[in-house]
Amino acid sequence: MKNTSEFTTGKLQTIVLGGGMTGLAAGWASGLPVYEAEDTPGGICSSYYLRAHSQTRRHQPPEDGEAYRFEIGGGHWIFGEILPSCGLFED
């Protein structure tokens, strides 16, 4: 393992790994930076849209509404759009 200056100087930084619901809440509450591997946050509580005959994932529905919605983590659609806490992540 290669030593980096971060380890040799003894200066470690606390971060939050993962931009799912828990990671976003931890970052928001603590003020720590949140690092997410995907292009958009949400983790298994995120959705994407696909048009028929296309493999391009869209994070917003198209204006004409002609797309299929897929839930990465399953059935969060049952409660995902009515929770008051969802407004926190739109700001």
N, C-alpha and C. Protein backbone atom coordinates (compact mmCIF):
# COMPACT_ATOMS: atom_id res chain seq x y z
N MET A 1 0.84 -1.18 0.00
CA MET A 1 0.00 0.00 0.00
C MET A 1 0.88 1.24 0.00
N LYS A 2 0.53 2.16 -0.84
CA LYS A 2 1.31 3.39 -0.97
C LYS A 2 0.85 4.41 0.07
N ASN A 3 1.80 5.01 0.76
CA ASN A 3 1.46 6.05 1.73
C ASN A 3 1.09 7.33 1.01
N THR A 4 0.08 7.99 1.50
CA THR A 4 -0.27 9.31 0.96
C THR A 4 0.03 10.35 2.03
N SER A 5 0.11 11.58 1.61
CA SER A 5 0.41 12.64 2.58
C SER A 5 -0.68 12.74 3.64
N GLU A 6 -1.90 12.35 3.29
CA GLU A 6 -3.00 12.40 4.25
C GLU A 6 -2.71 11.50 5.44
N PHE A 7 -2.13 10.33 5.18
CA PHE A 7 -1.84 9.39 6.26
C PHE A 7 -0.53 9.72 6.97
N THR A 8 0.44 10.18 6.23
CA THR A 8 1.74 10.45 6.86
C THR A 8 1.71 11.69 7.73
N THR A 9 0.83 12.64 7.43
CA THR A 9 0.75 13.84 8.26
C THR A 9 -0.21 13.65 9.43
N GLY A 10 -0.96 12.55 9.42
CA GLY A 10 -1.90 12.31 10.50
C GLY A 10 -3.18 13.10 10.38
N LYS A 11 -3.42 13.74 9.25
CA LYS A 11 -4.64 14.52 9.05
C LYS A 11 -5.66 13.69 8.28
N LEU A 12 -6.62 13.18 8.99
CA LEU A 12 -7.69 12.42 8.37
C LEU A 12 -8.95 13.27 8.33
N GLN A 13 -9.74 13.08 7.29
CA GLN A 13 -10.98 13.84 7.14
C GLN A 13 -12.16 12.88 7.24
N THR A 14 -13.15 13.25 7.98
CA THR A 14 -14.37 12.45 8.07
C THR A 14 -15.27 12.83 6.90
N ILE A 15 -15.79 11.82 6.22
CA ILE A 15 -16.69 12.03 5.08
C ILE A 15 -17.86 11.06 5.20
N VAL A 16 -18.87 11.27 4.38
CA VAL A 16 -20.00 10.35 4.29
C VAL A 16 -19.92 9.67 2.94
N LEU A 17 -19.90 8.34 2.94
CA LEU A 17 -19.86 7.58 1.70
C LEU A 17 -21.27 7.11 1.36
N GLY A 18 -21.76 7.51 0.22
CA GLY A 18 -23.07 7.08 -0.25
C GLY A 18 -24.10 8.17 -0.15
N GLY A 19 -24.73 8.46 -1.28
CA GLY A 19 -25.74 9.51 -1.34
C GLY A 19 -27.16 8.96 -1.35
N GLY A 20 -27.40 7.89 -0.59
CA GLY A 20 -28.76 7.40 -0.41
C GLY A 20 -29.45 8.24 0.66
N MET A 21 -30.63 7.81 1.06
CA MET A 21 -31.38 8.58 2.06
C MET A 21 -30.58 8.77 3.35
N THR A 22 -29.94 7.71 3.83
CA THR A 22 -29.19 7.80 5.08
C THR A 22 -27.96 8.68 4.91
N GLY A 23 -27.22 8.50 3.81
CA GLY A 23 -26.03 9.31 3.58
C GLY A 23 -26.36 10.79 3.41
N LEU A 24 -27.42 11.08 2.68
CA LEU A 24 -27.83 12.49 2.50
C LEU A 24 -28.25 13.10 3.83
N ALA A 25 -28.99 12.33 4.63
CA ALA A 25 -29.41 12.85 5.94
C ALA A 25 -28.21 13.07 6.85
N ALA A 26 -27.25 12.14 6.82
CA ALA A 26 -26.05 12.28 7.66
C ALA A 26 -25.23 13.50 7.24
N GLY A 27 -25.09 13.71 5.93
CA GLY A 27 -24.36 14.87 5.44
C GLY A 27 -25.06 16.18 5.78
N TRP A 28 -26.38 16.18 5.63
CA TRP A 28 -27.16 17.39 5.92
C TRP A 28 -27.08 17.72 7.40
N ALA A 29 -27.22 16.72 8.27
CA ALA A 29 -27.22 16.95 9.72
C ALA A 29 -25.84 17.32 10.25
N SER A 30 -24.79 16.76 9.64
CA SER A 30 -23.44 16.97 10.17
C SER A 30 -22.65 18.05 9.44
N GLY A 31 -23.07 18.37 8.24
CA GLY A 31 -22.31 19.32 7.43
C GLY A 31 -21.10 18.69 6.75
N LEU A 32 -20.98 17.38 6.84
CA LEU A 32 -19.85 16.68 6.21
C LEU A 32 -20.10 16.50 4.72
N PRO A 33 -19.01 16.40 3.93
CA PRO A 33 -19.18 16.16 2.49
C PRO A 33 -19.70 14.74 2.24
N VAL A 34 -20.58 14.62 1.25
CA VAL A 34 -21.16 13.33 0.87
C VAL A 34 -20.61 12.95 -0.49
N TYR A 35 -20.10 11.72 -0.60
CA TYR A 35 -19.57 11.22 -1.86
C TYR A 35 -20.44 10.07 -2.36
N GLU A 36 -20.90 10.18 -3.59
CA GLU A 36 -21.77 9.19 -4.20
C GLU A 36 -21.12 8.66 -5.47
N ALA A 37 -21.19 7.36 -5.69
CA ALA A 37 -20.55 6.74 -6.85
C ALA A 37 -21.35 6.96 -8.14
N GLU A 38 -22.66 7.10 -8.02
CA GLU A 38 -23.50 7.27 -9.21
C GLU A 38 -23.60 8.74 -9.61
N ASP A 39 -24.19 8.97 -10.77
CA ASP A 39 -24.34 10.34 -11.27
C ASP A 39 -25.37 11.14 -10.48
N THR A 40 -26.34 10.46 -9.90
CA THR A 40 -27.39 11.14 -9.14
C THR A 40 -27.51 10.49 -7.77
N PRO A 41 -27.93 11.26 -6.76
CA PRO A 41 -28.09 10.69 -5.42
C PRO A 41 -29.38 9.89 -5.32
N GLY A 42 -29.54 9.20 -4.22
CA GLY A 42 -30.77 8.48 -3.95
C GLY A 42 -30.56 7.03 -3.59
N GLY A 43 -29.46 6.45 -4.03
CA GLY A 43 -29.20 5.05 -3.71
C GLY A 43 -30.31 4.15 -4.20
N ILE A 44 -30.72 3.21 -3.36
CA ILE A 44 -31.78 2.29 -3.77
C ILE A 44 -33.15 2.95 -3.72
N CYS A 45 -33.23 4.18 -3.26
CA CYS A 45 -34.50 4.92 -3.25
C CYS A 45 -34.57 5.89 -4.41
N SER A 46 -34.01 5.52 -5.53
CA SER A 46 -34.07 6.39 -6.70
C SER A 46 -34.78 5.68 -7.85
N SER A 47 -35.21 6.46 -8.79
CA SER A 47 -35.95 5.97 -9.95
C SER A 47 -35.28 6.44 -11.22
N TYR A 48 -35.64 5.81 -12.32
CA TYR A 48 -35.23 6.31 -13.62
C TYR A 48 -36.33 5.98 -14.62
N TYR A 49 -36.28 6.66 -15.75
CA TYR A 49 -37.29 6.50 -16.79
C TYR A 49 -36.63 6.04 -18.08
N LEU A 50 -37.33 5.17 -18.79
CA LEU A 50 -36.87 4.70 -20.11
C LEU A 50 -38.00 4.87 -21.10
N ARG A 51 -37.66 5.41 -22.26
CA ARG A 51 -38.62 5.44 -23.36
C ARG A 51 -38.60 4.07 -24.04
N ALA A 52 -39.69 3.74 -24.69
CA ALA A 52 -39.76 2.49 -25.44
C ALA A 52 -38.65 2.47 -26.50
N HIS A 53 -38.01 1.34 -26.66
CA HIS A 53 -36.95 1.12 -27.66
C HIS A 53 -35.72 1.99 -27.42
N SER A 54 -35.47 2.37 -26.18
CA SER A 54 -34.29 3.16 -25.84
C SER A 54 -33.62 2.56 -24.61
N GLN A 55 -32.31 2.70 -24.53
CA GLN A 55 -31.58 2.25 -23.35
C GLN A 55 -31.03 3.41 -22.54
N THR A 56 -31.40 4.62 -22.89
CA THR A 56 -30.93 5.82 -22.19
C THR A 56 -31.78 6.06 -20.95
N ARG A 57 -31.12 6.03 -19.80
CA ARG A 57 -31.82 6.30 -18.55
C ARG A 57 -31.99 7.80 -18.38
N ARG A 58 -33.19 8.19 -18.02
CA ARG A 58 -33.51 9.59 -17.75
C ARG A 58 -33.86 9.71 -16.28
N HIS A 59 -33.41 10.77 -15.64
CA HIS A 59 -33.70 10.95 -14.22
C HIS A 59 -34.97 11.77 -13.99
N GLN A 60 -35.48 12.36 -15.05
CA GLN A 60 -36.74 13.08 -15.00
C GLN A 60 -37.64 12.50 -16.09
N PRO A 61 -38.94 12.47 -15.87
CA PRO A 61 -39.82 11.98 -16.93
C PRO A 61 -39.81 12.95 -18.10
N PRO A 62 -39.95 12.45 -19.31
CA PRO A 62 -40.02 13.37 -20.45
C PRO A 62 -41.30 14.21 -20.37
N GLU A 63 -41.29 15.34 -21.01
CA GLU A 63 -42.44 16.24 -20.94
C GLU A 63 -43.71 15.61 -21.45
N ASP A 64 -43.61 14.73 -22.45
CA ASP A 64 -44.81 14.10 -22.99
C ASP A 64 -45.28 12.92 -22.15
N GLY A 65 -44.50 12.54 -21.12
CA GLY A 65 -44.88 11.47 -20.22
C GLY A 65 -44.76 10.07 -20.81
N GLU A 66 -44.23 9.97 -22.02
CA GLU A 66 -44.13 8.68 -22.70
C GLU A 66 -42.85 7.95 -22.31
N ALA A 67 -42.86 7.35 -21.12
CA ALA A 67 -41.70 6.59 -20.65
C ALA A 67 -42.16 5.65 -19.55
N TYR A 68 -41.36 4.63 -19.32
CA TYR A 68 -41.61 3.69 -18.24
C TYR A 68 -40.75 4.10 -17.05
N ARG A 69 -41.32 4.00 -15.85
CA ARG A 69 -40.59 4.35 -14.64
C ARG A 69 -40.13 3.07 -13.94
N PHE A 70 -38.86 3.05 -13.56
CA PHE A 70 -38.29 1.90 -12.86
C PHE A 70 -37.75 2.34 -11.51
N GLU A 71 -38.02 1.53 -10.50
CA GLU A 71 -37.57 1.78 -9.14
C GLU A 71 -36.35 0.90 -8.87
N ILE A 72 -35.22 1.49 -8.54
CA ILE A 72 -34.01 0.72 -8.33
C ILE A 72 -34.15 -0.21 -7.12
N GLY A 73 -34.71 0.28 -6.04
CA GLY A 73 -34.80 -0.52 -4.82
C GLY A 73 -36.12 -1.22 -4.61
N GLY A 74 -37.03 -1.13 -5.54
CA GLY A 74 -38.30 -1.81 -5.37
C GLY A 74 -39.45 -0.85 -5.16
N GLY A 75 -40.29 -1.17 -4.20
CA GLY A 75 -41.58 -0.49 -4.07
C GLY A 75 -41.60 0.79 -3.29
N HIS A 76 -40.58 1.60 -3.34
CA HIS A 76 -40.65 2.87 -2.60
C HIS A 76 -41.67 3.82 -3.21
N TRP A 77 -42.17 3.52 -4.40
CA TRP A 77 -43.21 4.34 -5.02
C TRP A 77 -44.48 4.35 -4.17
N ILE A 78 -44.66 3.34 -3.33
CA ILE A 78 -45.87 3.26 -2.51
C ILE A 78 -45.96 4.46 -1.58
N PHE A 79 -44.82 4.91 -1.06
CA PHE A 79 -44.81 6.01 -0.09
C PHE A 79 -43.92 7.16 -0.49
N GLY A 80 -43.13 7.04 -1.52
CA GLY A 80 -42.09 7.99 -1.85
C GLY A 80 -42.53 9.38 -2.22
N GLU A 81 -43.74 9.55 -2.72
CA GLU A 81 -44.14 10.88 -3.17
C GLU A 81 -45.05 11.60 -2.19
N ILE A 82 -45.37 10.97 -1.07
CA ILE A 82 -46.27 11.63 -0.14
C ILE A 82 -45.63 11.94 1.21
N LEU A 83 -44.43 11.48 1.43
CA LEU A 83 -43.77 11.76 2.70
C LEU A 83 -43.37 13.23 2.80
N PRO A 84 -43.63 13.88 3.91
CA PRO A 84 -43.20 15.27 4.06
C PRO A 84 -41.69 15.45 3.94
N SER A 85 -40.93 14.42 4.31
CA SER A 85 -39.47 14.54 4.26
C SER A 85 -38.94 14.62 2.85
N CYS A 86 -39.69 14.22 1.85
CA CYS A 86 -39.22 14.28 0.47
C CYS A 86 -38.93 15.71 0.04
N GLY A 87 -39.61 16.68 0.61
CA GLY A 87 -39.37 18.07 0.29
C GLY A 87 -37.99 18.55 0.69
N LEU A 88 -37.38 17.91 1.67
CA LEU A 88 -36.05 18.30 2.12
C LEU A 88 -35.02 18.12 1.01
N PHE A 89 -35.20 17.12 0.16
CA PHE A 89 -34.21 16.79 -0.84
C PHE A 89 -34.42 17.54 -2.15
N GLU A 90 -35.49 18.31 -2.24
CA GLU A 90 -35.75 19.10 -3.45
C GLU A 90 -35.11 20.48 -3.37
N ASP A 91 -34.67 20.88 -2.18
CA ASP A 91 -34.08 22.22 -2.01
C ASP A 91 -32.71 22.27 -2.52
